[in-house]
PDB file of N, CA and C in Angstrom:
ATOM      1  N   MET A   1       9.474 -19.859 -22.629  1.00  0.00           N
ATOM      2  CA  MET A   1       9.219 -19.595 -21.222  1.00  0.00           C
ATOM      3  C   MET A   1      10.109 -18.451 -20.758  1.00  0.00           C
ATOM      4  N   SER A   2       9.570 -17.573 -19.982  1.00  0.00           N
ATOM      5  CA  SER A   2      10.305 -16.428 -19.470  1.00  0.00           C
ATOM      6  C   SER A   2      11.307 -16.866 -18.416  1.00  0.00           C
ATOM      7  N   THR A   3      12.463 -16.200 -18.409  1.00  0.00           N
ATOM      8  CA  THR A   3      13.459 -16.468 -17.378  1.00  0.00           C
ATOM      9  C   THR A   3      13.311 -15.513 -16.204  1.00  0.00           C
ATOM     10  N   ASP A   4      12.403 -14.577 -16.311  1.00  0.00           N
ATOM     11  CA  ASP A   4      12.163 -13.620 -15.230  1.00  0.00           C
ATOM     12  C   ASP A   4      11.422 -14.332 -14.105  1.00  0.00           C
ATOM     13  N   PRO A   5      12.007 -14.378 -12.877  1.00  0.00           N
ATOM     14  CA  PRO A   5      11.344 -15.099 -11.790  1.00  0.00           C
ATOM     15  C   PRO A   5      10.046 -14.455 -11.326  1.00  0.00           C
ATOM     16  N   ALA A   6       9.769 -13.220 -11.767  1.00  0.00           N
ATOM     17  CA  ALA A   6       8.534 -12.551 -11.363  1.00  0.00           C
ATOM     18  C   ALA A   6       7.375 -12.871 -12.297  1.00  0.00           C
ATOM     19  N   VAL A   7       7.620 -13.640 -13.350  1.00  0.00           N
ATOM     20  CA  VAL A   7       6.583 -13.962 -14.322  1.00  0.00           C
ATOM     21  C   VAL A   7       6.214 -15.433 -14.191  1.00  0.00           C
ATOM     22  N   ILE A   8       4.916 -15.716 -14.116  1.00  0.00           N
ATOM     23  CA  ILE A   8       4.463 -17.101 -14.099  1.00  0.00           C
ATOM     24  C   ILE A   8       3.417 -17.299 -15.188  1.00  0.00           C
ATOM     25  N   ASN A   9       3.058 -18.531 -15.436  1.00  0.00           N
ATOM     26  CA  ASN A   9       2.030 -18.898 -16.423  1.00  0.00           C
ATOM     27  C   ASN A   9       2.392 -18.484 -17.844  1.00  0.00           C
ATOM     28  N   THR A  10       3.678 -18.492 -18.189  1.00  0.00           N
ATOM     29  CA  THR A  10       4.042 -18.154 -19.559  1.00  0.00           C
ATOM     30  C   THR A  10       4.422 -19.393 -20.360  1.00  0.00           C
ATOM     31  N   ASP A  11       4.545 -20.529 -19.718  1.00  0.00           N
ATOM     32  CA  ASP A  11       4.880 -21.770 -20.397  1.00  0.00           C
ATOM     33  C   ASP A  11       3.591 -22.392 -20.922  1.00  0.00           C
ATOM     34  N   SER A  12       3.523 -22.591 -22.237  1.00  0.00           N
ATOM     35  CA  SER A  12       2.283 -23.120 -22.816  1.00  0.00           C
ATOM     36  C   SER A  12       1.994 -24.541 -22.347  1.00  0.00           C
ATOM     37  N   ALA A  13       3.024 -25.261 -21.864  1.00  0.00           N
ATOM     38  CA  ALA A  13       2.809 -26.618 -21.375  1.00  0.00           C
ATOM     39  C   ALA A  13       2.268 -26.636 -19.949  1.00  0.00           C
ATOM     40  N   SER A  14       2.268 -25.502 -19.318  1.00  0.00           N
ATOM     41  CA  SER A  14       1.787 -25.426 -17.941  1.00  0.00           C
ATOM     42  C   SER A  14       0.281 -25.671 -17.905  1.00  0.00           C
ATOM     43  N   PRO A  15      -0.189 -26.525 -16.987  1.00  0.00           N
ATOM     44  CA  PRO A  15      -1.634 -26.782 -16.918  1.00  0.00           C
ATOM     45  C   PRO A  15      -2.448 -25.548 -16.532  1.00  0.00           C
ATOM     46  N   SER A  16      -1.804 -24.574 -15.889  1.00  0.00           N
ATOM     47  CA  SER A  16      -2.555 -23.382 -15.495  1.00  0.00           C
ATOM     48  C   SER A  16      -2.534 -22.297 -16.565  1.00  0.00           C
ATOM     49  N   ALA A  17      -1.716 -22.476 -17.601  1.00  0.00           N
ATOM     50  CA  ALA A  17      -1.640 -21.468 -18.662  1.00  0.00           C
ATOM     51  C   ALA A  17      -2.835 -21.604 -19.592  1.00  0.00           C
ATOM     52  N   LYS A  18      -3.339 -20.493 -20.053  1.00  0.00           N
ATOM     53  CA  LYS A  18      -4.455 -20.483 -20.990  1.00  0.00           C
ATOM     54  C   LYS A  18      -3.982 -19.830 -22.277  1.00  0.00           C
ATOM     55  N   PRO A  19      -4.516 -20.232 -23.412  1.00  0.00           N
ATOM     56  CA  PRO A  19      -4.100 -19.620 -24.677  1.00  0.00           C
ATOM     57  C   PRO A  19      -4.347 -18.118 -24.675  1.00  0.00           C
ATOM     58  N   ASN A  20      -3.418 -17.383 -25.228  1.00  0.00           N
ATOM     59  CA  ASN A  20      -3.507 -15.922 -25.360  1.00  0.00           C
ATOM     60  C   ASN A  20      -3.648 -15.202 -24.023  1.00  0.00           C
ATOM     61  N   GLU A  21      -3.204 -15.828 -22.962  1.00  0.00           N
ATOM     62  CA  GLU A  21      -3.298 -15.199 -21.639  1.00  0.00           C
ATOM     63  C   GLU A  21      -2.053 -14.358 -21.379  1.00  0.00           C
ATOM     64  N   GLU A  22      -2.274 -13.172 -20.839  1.00  0.00           N
ATOM     65  CA  GLU A  22      -1.156 -12.313 -20.461  1.00  0.00           C
ATOM     66  C   GLU A  22      -0.415 -12.951 -19.293  1.00  0.00           C
ATOM     67  N   PRO A  23       0.914 -12.781 -19.234  1.00  0.00           N
ATOM     68  CA  PRO A  23       1.644 -13.327 -18.084  1.00  0.00           C
ATOM     69  C   PRO A  23       1.218 -12.644 -16.789  1.00  0.00           C
ATOM     70  N   VAL A  24       1.246 -13.389 -15.716  1.00  0.00           N
ATOM     71  CA  VAL A  24       0.885 -12.861 -14.408  1.00  0.00           C
ATOM     72  C   VAL A  24       2.171 -12.434 -13.712  1.00  0.00           C
ATOM     73  N   TYR A  25       2.217 -11.197 -13.295  1.00  0.00           N
ATOM     74  CA  TYR A  25       3.402 -10.681 -12.625  1.00  0.00           C
ATOM     75  C   TYR A  25       3.167 -10.647 -11.123  1.00  0.00           C
ATOM     76  N   HIS A  26       4.135 -11.077 -10.391  1.00  0.00           N
ATOM     77  CA  HIS A  26       4.068 -11.048  -8.933  1.00  0.00           C
ATOM     78  C   HIS A  26       5.248 -10.263  -8.407  1.00  0.00           C
ATOM     79  N   ARG A  27       4.973  -9.366  -7.504  1.00  0.00           N
ATOM     80  CA  ARG A  27       6.055  -8.665  -6.831  1.00  0.00           C
ATOM     81  C   ARG A  27       6.498  -9.530  -5.666  1.00  0.00           C
ATOM     82  N   LYS A  28       7.771  -9.481  -5.388  1.00  0.00           N
ATOM     83  CA  LYS A  28       8.294 -10.252  -4.265  1.00  0.00           C
ATOM     84  C   LYS A  28       8.547  -9.313  -3.104  1.00  0.00           C
ATOM     85  N   TYR A  29       8.002  -9.660  -1.955  1.00  0.00           N
ATOM     86  CA  TYR A  29       8.162  -8.860  -0.755  1.00  0.00           C
ATOM     87  C   TYR A  29       8.800  -9.718   0.325  1.00  0.00           C
ATOM     88  N   GLY A  30       9.607  -9.067   1.141  1.00  0.00           N
ATOM     89  CA  GLY A  30      10.251  -9.767   2.242  1.00  0.00           C
ATOM     90  C   GLY A  30       9.865  -9.153   3.567  1.00  0.00           C
ATOM     91  N   SER A  31      10.517  -9.613   4.607  1.00  0.00           N
ATOM     92  CA  SER A  31      10.206  -9.124   5.950  1.00  0.00           C
ATOM     93  C   SER A  31      10.623  -7.678   6.151  1.00  0.00           C
ATOM     94  N   ARG A  32      11.484  -7.169   5.297  1.00  0.00           N
ATOM     95  CA  ARG A  32      11.935  -5.781   5.420  1.00  0.00           C
ATOM     96  C   ARG A  32      11.265  -4.849   4.403  1.00  0.00           C
ATOM     97  N   THR A  33      10.278  -5.339   3.692  1.00  0.00           N
ATOM     98  CA  THR A  33       9.572  -4.522   2.716  1.00  0.00           C
ATOM     99  C   THR A  33       8.693  -3.507   3.438  1.00  0.00           C
ATOM    100  N   SER A  34       8.782  -2.250   3.018  1.00  0.00           N
ATOM    101  CA  SER A  34       7.969  -1.208   3.653  1.00  0.00           C
ATOM    102  C   SER A  34       6.616  -1.089   2.948  1.00  0.00           C
ATOM    103  N   ALA A  35       5.691  -0.434   3.619  1.00  0.00           N
ATOM    104  CA  ALA A  35       4.369  -0.204   3.027  1.00  0.00           C
ATOM    105  C   ALA A  35       4.484   0.658   1.776  1.00  0.00           C
ATOM    106  N   LEU A  36       5.428   1.599   1.767  1.00  0.00           N
ATOM    107  CA  LEU A  36       5.627   2.439   0.579  1.00  0.00           C
ATOM    108  C   LEU A  36       6.058   1.601  -0.620  1.00  0.00           C
ATOM    109  N   GLU A  37       6.870   0.571  -0.391  1.00  0.00           N
ATOM    110  CA  GLU A  37       7.299  -0.304  -1.485  1.00  0.00           C
ATOM    111  C   GLU A  37       6.130  -1.139  -2.004  1.00  0.00           C
ATOM    112  N   VAL A  38       5.283  -1.606  -1.116  1.00  0.00           N
ATOM    113  CA  VAL A  38       4.123  -2.406  -1.519  1.00  0.00           C
ATOM    114  C   VAL A  38       3.159  -1.566  -2.353  1.00  0.00           C
ATOM    115  N   LEU A  39       3.007  -0.300  -1.995  1.00  0.00           N
ATOM    116  CA  LEU A  39       2.055   0.582  -2.677  1.00  0.00           C
ATOM    117  C   LEU A  39       2.637   1.287  -3.895  1.00  0.00           C
ATOM    118  N   LYS A  40       3.874   0.997  -4.241  1.00  0.00           N
ATOM    119  CA  LYS A  40       4.508   1.646  -5.386  1.00  0.00           C
ATOM    120  C   LYS A  40       3.617   1.497  -6.623  1.00  0.00           C
ATOM    121  N   ASP A  41       3.436   2.576  -7.340  1.00  0.00           N
ATOM    122  CA  ASP A  41       2.644   2.614  -8.580  1.00  0.00           C
ATOM    123  C   ASP A  41       1.139   2.413  -8.360  1.00  0.00           C
ATOM    124  N   ILE A  42       0.658   2.541  -7.137  1.00  0.00           N
ATOM    125  CA  ILE A  42      -0.770   2.398  -6.862  1.00  0.00           C
ATOM    126  C   ILE A  42      -1.328   3.758  -6.467  1.00  0.00           C
ATOM    127  N   ASP A  43      -2.393   4.181  -7.154  1.00  0.00           N
ATOM    128  CA  ASP A  43      -3.036   5.456  -6.857  1.00  0.00           C
ATOM    129  C   ASP A  43      -4.311   5.187  -6.071  1.00  0.00           C
ATOM    130  N   LEU A  44      -4.376   5.694  -4.863  1.00  0.00           N
ATOM    131  CA  LEU A  44      -5.544   5.477  -4.009  1.00  0.00           C
ATOM    132  C   LEU A  44      -6.430   6.707  -3.912  1.00  0.00           C
ATOM    133  N   THR A  45      -6.257   7.640  -4.832  1.00  0.00           N
ATOM    134  CA  THR A  45      -7.053   8.860  -4.831  1.00  0.00           C
ATOM    135  C   THR A  45      -8.540   8.510  -4.897  1.00  0.00           C
ATOM    136  N   GLY A  46      -9.316   9.129  -4.020  1.00  0.00           N
ATOM    137  CA  GLY A  46     -10.753   8.889  -3.993  1.00  0.00           C
ATOM    138  C   GLY A  46     -11.175   7.741  -3.098  1.00  0.00           C
ATOM    139  N   LYS A  47     -10.233   7.018  -2.540  1.00  0.00           N
ATOM    140  CA  LYS A  47     -10.553   5.902  -1.643  1.00  0.00           C
ATOM    141  C   LYS A  47     -10.518   6.383  -0.200  1.00  0.00           C
ATOM    142  N   THR A  48     -11.445   5.917   0.618  1.00  0.00           N
ATOM    143  CA  THR A  48     -11.456   6.213   2.047  1.00  0.00           C
ATOM    144  C   THR A  48     -11.159   4.921   2.791  1.00  0.00           C
ATOM    145  N   ILE A  49     -10.163   4.986   3.688  1.00  0.00           N
ATOM    146  CA  ILE A  49      -9.714   3.792   4.395  1.00  0.00           C
ATOM    147  C   ILE A  49      -9.714   4.069   5.894  1.00  0.00           C
ATOM    148  N   LEU A  50     -10.356   3.200   6.664  1.00  0.00           N
ATOM    149  CA  LEU A  50     -10.392   3.302   8.122  1.00  0.00           C
ATOM    150  C   LEU A  50      -9.317   2.387   8.693  1.00  0.00           C
ATOM    151  N   ILE A  51      -8.461   2.954   9.549  1.00  0.00           N
ATOM    152  CA  ILE A  51      -7.398   2.171  10.175  1.00  0.00           C
ATOM    153  C   ILE A  51      -7.463   2.381  11.681  1.00  0.00           C
ATOM    154  N   THR A  52      -7.416   1.286  12.426  1.00  0.00           N
ATOM    155  CA  THR A  52      -7.325   1.375  13.884  1.00  0.00           C
ATOM    156  C   THR A  52      -5.891   1.085  14.291  1.00  0.00           C
ATOM    157  N   GLY A  53      -5.511   1.552  15.456  1.00  0.00           N
ATOM    158  CA  GLY A  53      -4.177   1.265  15.972  1.00  0.00           C
ATOM    159  C   GLY A  53      -3.062   2.018  15.282  1.00  0.00           C
ATOM    160  N   THR A  54      -3.327   3.252  14.881  1.00  0.00           N
ATOM    161  CA  THR A  54      -2.304   4.021  14.165  1.00  0.00           C
ATOM    162  C   THR A  54      -1.382   4.800  15.084  1.00  0.00           C
ATOM    163  N   THR A  55      -1.467   4.572  16.386  1.00  0.00           N
ATOM    164  CA  THR A  55      -0.583   5.309  17.295  1.00  0.00           C
ATOM    165  C   THR A  55       0.715   4.565  17.573  1.00  0.00           C
ATOM    166  N   SER A  56       0.866   3.357  17.025  1.00  0.00           N
ATOM    167  CA  SER A  56       2.121   2.634  17.212  1.00  0.00           C
ATOM    168  C   SER A  56       2.290   1.572  16.135  1.00  0.00           C
ATOM    169  N   GLY A  57       3.520   1.155  15.963  1.00  0.00           N
ATOM    170  CA  GLY A  57       3.854   0.018  15.116  1.00  0.00           C
ATOM    171  C   GLY A  57       3.442   0.127  13.665  1.00  0.00           C
ATOM    172  N   ILE A  58       2.927  -0.972  13.168  1.00  0.00           N
ATOM    173  CA  ILE A  58       2.596  -1.080  11.754  1.00  0.00           C
ATOM    174  C   ILE A  58       1.455  -0.142  11.358  1.00  0.00           C
ATOM    175  N   GLY A  59       0.601   0.209  12.305  1.00  0.00           N
ATOM    176  CA  GLY A  59      -0.504   1.118  12.011  1.00  0.00           C
ATOM    177  C   GLY A  59      -0.033   2.489  11.562  1.00  0.00           C
ATOM    178  N   ILE A  60       1.036   2.994  12.188  1.00  0.00           N
ATOM    179  CA  ILE A  60       1.586   4.299  11.800  1.00  0.00           C
ATOM    180  C   ILE A  60       2.075   4.253  10.360  1.00  0.00           C
ATOM    181  N   GLU A  61       2.877   3.251  10.050  1.00  0.00           N
ATOM    182  CA  GLU A  61       3.444   3.120   8.700  1.00  0.00           C
ATOM    183  C   GLU A  61       2.341   2.942   7.664  1.00  0.00           C
ATOM    184  N   THR A  62       1.339   2.144   7.981  1.00  0.00           N
ATOM    185  CA  THR A  62       0.240   1.904   7.052  1.00  0.00           C
ATOM    186  C   THR A  62      -0.550   3.181   6.788  1.00  0.00           C
ATOM    187  N   ALA A  63      -0.911   3.894   7.835  1.00  0.00           N
ATOM    188  CA  ALA A  63      -1.670   5.144   7.672  1.00  0.00           C
ATOM    189  C   ALA A  63      -0.888   6.158   6.860  1.00  0.00           C
ATOM    190  N   ARG A  64       0.379   6.319   7.172  1.00  0.00           N
ATOM    191  CA  ARG A  64       1.221   7.284   6.466  1.00  0.00           C
ATOM    192  C   ARG A  64       1.336   6.915   4.977  1.00  0.00           C
ATOM    193  N   SER A  65       1.613   5.662   4.709  1.00  0.00           N
ATOM    194  CA  SER A  65       1.808   5.223   3.324  1.00  0.00           C
ATOM    195  C   SER A  65       0.538   5.356   2.496  1.00  0.00           C
ATOM    196  N   LEU A  66      -0.597   4.965   3.069  1.00  0.00           N
ATOM    197  CA  LEU A  66      -1.861   5.071   2.341  1.00  0.00           C
ATOM    198  C   LEU A  66      -2.204   6.526   2.051  1.00  0.00           C
ATOM    199  N   ALA A  67      -2.001   7.399   3.031  1.00  0.00           N
ATOM    200  CA  ALA A  67      -2.288   8.826   2.832  1.00  0.00           C
ATOM    201  C   ALA A  67      -1.371   9.427   1.778  1.00  0.00           C
ATOM    202  N   LEU A  68      -0.107   9.048   1.789  1.00  0.00           N
ATOM    203  CA  LEU A  68       0.837   9.583   0.808  1.00  0.00           C
ATOM    204  C   LEU A  68       0.560   9.072  -0.605  1.00  0.00           C
ATOM    205  N   HIS A  69      -0.233   8.006  -0.714  1.00  0.00           N
ATOM    206  CA  HIS A  69      -0.626   7.497  -2.029  1.00  0.00           C
ATOM    207  C   HIS A  69      -2.021   7.961  -2.425  1.00  0.00           C
ATOM    208  N   GLY A  70      -2.546   8.962  -1.727  1.00  0.00           N
ATOM    209  CA  GLY A  70      -3.783   9.598  -2.158  1.00  0.00           C
ATOM    210  C   GLY A  70      -5.038   9.201  -1.422  1.00  0.00           C
ATOM    211  N   ALA A  71      -4.985   8.195  -0.566  1.00  0.00           N
ATOM    212  CA  ALA A  71      -6.187   7.756   0.142  1.00  0.00           C
ATOM    213  C   ALA A  71      -6.557   8.743   1.239  1.00  0.00           C
ATOM    214  N   HIS A  72      -7.847   8.848   1.502  1.00  0.00           N
ATOM    215  CA  HIS A  72      -8.327   9.602   2.665  1.00  0.00           C
ATOM    216  C   HIS A  72      -8.339   8.604   3.814  1.00  0.00           C
ATOM    217  N   VAL A  73      -7.450   8.803   4.778  1.00  0.00           N
ATOM    218  CA  VAL A  73      -7.282   7.855   5.875  1.00  0.00           C
ATOM    219  C   VAL A  73      -8.012   8.358   7.117  1.00  0.00           C
ATOM    220  N   VAL A  74      -8.888   7.529   7.650  1.00  0.00           N
ATOM    221  CA  VAL A  74      -9.579   7.824   8.900  1.00  0.00           C
ATOM    222  C   VAL A  74      -8.910   6.974   9.976  1.00  0.00           C
ATOM    223  N   MET A  75      -8.332   7.648  10.989  1.00  0.00           N
ATOM    224  CA  MET A  75      -7.617   6.950  12.052  1.00  0.00           C
ATOM    225  C   MET A  75      -8.512   6.857  13.281  1.00  0.00           C
ATOM    226  N   ALA A  76      -8.831   5.647  13.703  1.00  0.00           N
ATOM    227  CA  ALA A  76      -9.673   5.424  14.883  1.00  0.00           C
ATOM    228  C   ALA A  76      -8.794   4.900  16.012  1.00  0.00           C
ATOM    229  N   ASN A  77      -8.572   5.752  17.023  1.00  0.00           N
ATOM    230  CA  ASN A  77      -7.691   5.399  18.130  1.00  0.00           C
ATOM    231  C   ASN A  77      -8.257   5.888  19.446  1.00  0.00           C
ATOM    232  N   ARG A  78      -7.723   5.352  20.531  1.00  0.00           N
ATOM    233  CA  ARG A  78      -8.104   5.811  21.866  1.00  0.00           C
ATOM    234  C   ARG A  78      -7.296   7.028  22.286  1.00  0.00           C
ATOM    235  N   ASN A  79      -6.077   7.177  21.762  1.00  0.00           N
ATOM    236  CA  ASN A  79      -5.204   8.283  22.150  1.00  0.00           C
ATOM    237  C   ASN A  79      -5.303   9.399  21.114  1.00  0.00           C
ATOM    238  N   ILE A  80      -6.128  10.387  21.401  1.00  0.00           N
ATOM    239  CA  ILE A  80      -6.382  11.472  20.449  1.00  0.00           C
ATOM    240  C   ILE A  80      -5.142  12.323  20.223  1.00  0.00           C
ATOM    241  N   VAL A  81      -4.364  12.568  21.275  1.00  0.00           N
ATOM    242  CA  VAL A  81      -3.167  13.409  21.152  1.00  0.00           C
ATOM    243  C   VAL A  81      -2.179  12.793  20.165  1.00  0.00           C
ATOM    244  N   GLN A  82      -1.898  11.495  20.305  1.00  0.00           N
ATOM    245  CA  GLN A  82      -0.980  10.835  19.375  1.00  0.00           C
ATOM    246  C   GLN A  82      -1.556  10.804  17.960  1.00  0.00           C
ATOM    247  N   SER A  83      -2.857  10.606  17.838  1.00  0.00           N
ATOM    248  CA  SER A  83      -3.490  10.597  16.519  1.00  0.00           C
ATOM    249  C   SER A  83      -3.347  11.946  15.829  1.00  0.00           C
ATOM    250  N   GLU A  84      -3.541  13.016  16.586  1.00  0.00           N
ATOM    251  CA  GLU A  84      -3.400  14.353  16.004  1.00  0.00           C
ATOM    252  C   GLU A  84      -1.957  14.635  15.605  1.00  0.00           C
ATOM    253  N   GLN A  85      -0.987  14.147  16.387  1.00  0.00           N
ATOM    254  CA  GLN A  85       0.420  14.323  16.031  1.00  0.00           C
ATOM    255  C   GLN A  85       0.739  13.596  14.731  1.00  0.00           C
ATOM    256  N   LEU A  86       0.230  12.372  14.595  1.00  0.00           N
ATOM    257  CA  LEU A  86       0.454  11.619  13.361  1.00  0.00           C
ATOM    258  C   LEU A  86      -0.209  12.320  12.179  1.00  0.00           C
ATOM    259  N   ARG A  87      -1.426  12.790  12.377  1.00  0.00           N
ATOM    260  CA  ARG A  87      -2.127  13.512  11.313  1.00  0.00           C
ATOM    261  C   ARG A  87      -1.313  14.720  10.861  1.00  0.00           C
ATOM    262  N   ASP A  88      -0.802  15.493  11.815  1.00  0.00           N
ATOM    263  CA  ASP A  88       0.000  16.669  11.476  1.00  0.00           C
ATOM    264  C   ASP A  88       1.273  16.281  10.734  1.00  0.00           C
ATOM    265  N   ASN A  89       1.879  15.167  11.132  1.00  0.00           N
ATOM    266  CA  ASN A  89       3.080  14.677  10.456  1.00  0.00           C
ATOM    267  C   ASN A  89       2.769  14.298   9.007  1.00  0.00           C
ATOM    268  N   ILE A  90       1.632  13.650   8.793  1.00  0.00           N
ATOM    269  CA  ILE A  90       1.231  13.277   7.431  1.00  0.00           C
ATOM    270  C   ILE A  90       0.951  14.529   6.607  1.00  0.00           C
ATOM    271  N   TYR A  91       0.293  15.527   7.199  1.00  0.00           N
ATOM    272  CA  TYR A  91       0.021  16.780   6.494  1.00  0.00           C
ATOM    273  C   TYR A  91       1.311  17.405   5.990  1.00  0.00           C
ATOM    274  N   LYS A  92       2.334  17.392   6.825  1.00  0.00           N
ATOM    275  CA  LYS A  92       3.612  18.009   6.452  1.00  0.00           C
ATOM    276  C   LYS A  92       4.272  17.282   5.286  1.00  0.00           C
ATOM    277  N   LYS A  93       4.133  15.956   5.244  1.00  0.00           N
ATOM    278  CA  LYS A  93       4.802  15.164   4.211  1.00  0.00           C
ATOM    279  C   LYS A  93       4.003  15.063   2.918  1.00  0.00           C
ATOM    280  N   SER A  94       2.706  15.278   2.999  1.00  0.00           N
ATOM    281  CA  SER A  94       1.861  15.163   1.816  1.00  0.00           C
ATOM    282  C   SER A  94       2.090  16.353   0.898  1.00  0.00           C
ATOM    283  N   THR A  95       2.304  16.080  -0.370  1.00  0.00           N
ATOM    284  CA  THR A  95       2.556  17.156  -1.331  1.00  0.00           C
ATOM    285  C   THR A  95       1.292  17.651  -2.003  1.00  0.00           C
ATOM    286  N   SER A  96       0.209  16.876  -1.914  1.00  0.00           N
ATOM    287  CA  SER A  96      -1.001  17.274  -2.625  1.00  0.00           C
ATOM    288  C   SER A  96      -2.057  17.831  -1.680  1.00  0.00           C
ATOM    289  N   GLN A  97      -2.775  16.975  -1.015  1.00  0.00           N
ATOM    290  CA  GLN A  97      -3.877  17.433  -0.178  1.00  0.00           C
ATOM    291  C   GLN A  97      -3.811  16.760   1.178  1.00  0.00           C
ATOM    292  N   LYS A  98      -4.614  17.211   2.086  1.00  0.00           N
ATOM    293  CA  LYS A  98      -4.636  16.647   3.430  1.00  0.00           C
ATOM    294  C   LYS A  98      -5.524  15.404   3.414  1.00  0.00           C
ATOM    295  N   ASN A  99      -4.900  14.230   3.606  1.00  0.00           N
ATOM    296  CA  ASN A  99      -5.590  12.967   3.438  1.00  0.00           C
ATOM    297  C   ASN A  99      -5.813  12.192   4.724  1.00  0.00           C
ATOM    298  N   ALA A 100      -5.617  12.811   5.870  1.00  0.00           N
ATOM    299  CA  ALA A 100      -5.792  12.074   7.124  1.00  0.00           C
ATOM    300  C   ALA A 100      -6.710  12.841   8.060  1.00  0.00           C
ATOM    301  N   THR A 101      -7.597  12.108   8.729  1.00  0.00           N
ATOM    302  CA  THR A 101      -8.470  12.723   9.730  1.00  0.00           C
ATOM    303  C   THR A 101      -8.418  11.906  10.996  1.00  0.00           C
TER     304      THR A 101
END
C-alpha cells in the first residue's frame, strides 16, 4: 500500500480496488487554492468557455486563469467597460495568443 496520501485504491484488500488498476491520484485543494493551481498541467487549447460575472470576484480569477491556460474565454457581462479592461489585462499577460473576448 502506498504511503502517499494523494494515492488511493492501491491496497489489493480494498473493496474498491480492481486487479491491474492504476492508482487514482487526487490533488488536494484548500480554501486558499487559486484557479492557476487547480489548472496546473492542464492544456485548454482549442476549448471555448463562456463565463458570466467576470467583472468581480471569482469570475475575474477564473476567466484569467482559463485564458492563460489556452482556452478561448467568452465573457458575458452587463458592464462592458470593466469587461474590456479585464480582456486587455489578459492580453497583456498572455504569452501566446489573445484568448479572451
